Amino acid sequence: MAAEIKKAKGVDAELIAGGGGIFDVVVDGKRIYSKHETGRFPETNEVLSQL
């Protein structure tokens, strides 16, 4: 996903491993996606549309 973000938006994304199946996307300190809340992994376009 980091490579797709870089290609689409020119932004260097850092993916940080977590525990317990949590996957959050945070931009400038603001959470824009939470797997915990939705119950599923995000599609790349969902993340890109929030950037």
C-alpha atoms as a PDB file:
ATOM      1  CA  MET A   1       0.000   0.000   0.000  1.00  0.00           C
ATOM      2  CA  ALA A   2       2.882   2.406   0.728  1.00  0.00           C
ATOM      3  CA  ALA A   3       4.130   2.124  -2.860  1.00  0.00           C
ATOM      4  CA  GLU A   4       0.646   2.804  -4.235  1.00  0.00           C
ATOM      5  CA  ILE A   5       0.321   5.913  -2.045  1.00  0.00           C
ATOM      6  CA  LYS A   6       3.721   7.151  -3.218  1.00  0.00           C
ATOM      7  CA  LYS A   7       2.798   6.592  -6.872  1.00  0.00           C
ATOM      8  CA  ALA A   8      -0.641   8.210  -6.640  1.00  0.00           C
ATOM      9  CA  LYS A   9       0.052  11.118  -4.284  1.00  0.00           C
ATOM     10  CA  GLY A  10       3.844  11.509  -4.160  1.00  0.00           C
ATOM     11  CA  VAL A  11       3.731  10.991  -0.398  1.00  0.00           C
ATOM     12  CA  ASP A  12       6.159   8.764   1.459  1.00  0.00           C
ATOM     13  CA  ALA A  13       4.056   6.495   3.652  1.00  0.00           C
ATOM     14  CA  GLU A  14       5.408   4.518   6.562  1.00  0.00           C
ATOM     15  CA  LEU A  15       3.721   1.258   7.473  1.00  0.00           C
ATOM     16  CA  ILE A  16       4.226   0.343  11.104  1.00  0.00           C
ATOM     17  CA  ALA A  17       3.511  -3.163  12.320  1.00  0.00           C
ATOM     18  CA  GLY A  18       1.041  -3.384  15.170  1.00  0.00           C
ATOM     19  CA  GLY A  19      -0.424  -6.161  17.193  1.00  0.00           C
ATOM     20  CA  GLY A  20      -3.772  -7.806  17.603  1.00  0.00           C
ATOM     21  CA  GLY A  21      -4.898  -7.264  14.025  1.00  0.00           C
ATOM     22  CA  ILE A  22      -5.232  -3.499  14.401  1.00  0.00           C
ATOM     23  CA  PHE A  23      -4.681  -1.496  11.221  1.00  0.00           C
ATOM     24  CA  ASP A  24      -5.092   2.266  11.465  1.00  0.00           C
ATOM     25  CA  VAL A  25      -4.178   4.859   8.865  1.00  0.00           C
ATOM     26  CA  VAL A  26      -3.042   8.115  10.455  1.00  0.00           C
ATOM     27  CA  VAL A  27      -2.233  11.303   8.543  1.00  0.00           C
ATOM     28  CA  ASP A  28      -0.747  14.291  10.371  1.00  0.00           C
ATOM     29  CA  GLY A  29      -1.929  12.864  13.677  1.00  0.00           C
ATOM     30  CA  LYS A  30      -5.524  12.293  12.467  1.00  0.00           C
ATOM     31  CA  ARG A  31      -6.870   8.764  12.045  1.00  0.00           C
ATOM     32  CA  ILE A  32      -8.494   8.445   8.621  1.00  0.00           C
ATOM     33  CA  TYR A  33      -9.180   4.707   8.683  1.00  0.00           C
ATOM     34  CA  SER A  34      -9.539   2.078  11.384  1.00  0.00           C
ATOM     35  CA  LYS A  35      -9.817  -1.639  10.690  1.00  0.00           C
ATOM     36  CA  HIS A  36     -11.021  -2.056  14.263  1.00  0.00           C
ATOM     37  CA  GLU A  37     -14.031   0.188  13.549  1.00  0.00           C
ATOM     38  CA  THR A  38     -14.892  -1.231  10.107  1.00  0.00           C
ATOM     39  CA  GLY A  39     -13.961  -4.862  10.714  1.00  0.00           C
ATOM     40  CA  ARG A  40     -11.998  -5.110   7.476  1.00  0.00           C
ATOM     41  CA  PHE A  41      -8.772  -4.073   5.802  1.00  0.00           C
ATOM     42  CA  PRO A  42      -9.110  -0.896   3.668  1.00  0.00           C
ATOM     43  CA  GLU A  43      -9.046  -0.816  -0.105  1.00  0.00           C
ATOM     44  CA  THR A  44      -6.219   1.375  -1.381  1.00  0.00           C
ATOM     45  CA  ASN A  45      -8.655   3.809  -3.018  1.00  0.00           C
ATOM     46  CA  GLU A  46     -10.367   4.337   0.358  1.00  0.00           C
ATOM     47  CA  VAL A  47      -7.110   5.537   1.842  1.00  0.00           C
ATOM     48  CA  LEU A  48      -6.119   7.583  -1.219  1.00  0.00           C
ATOM     49  CA  SER A  49      -9.459   9.403  -1.249  1.00  0.00           C
ATOM     50  CA  GLN A  50      -8.805  10.619   2.309  1.00  0.00           C
ATOM     51  CA  LEU A  51      -5.383  12.080   1.530  1.00  0.00           C
END
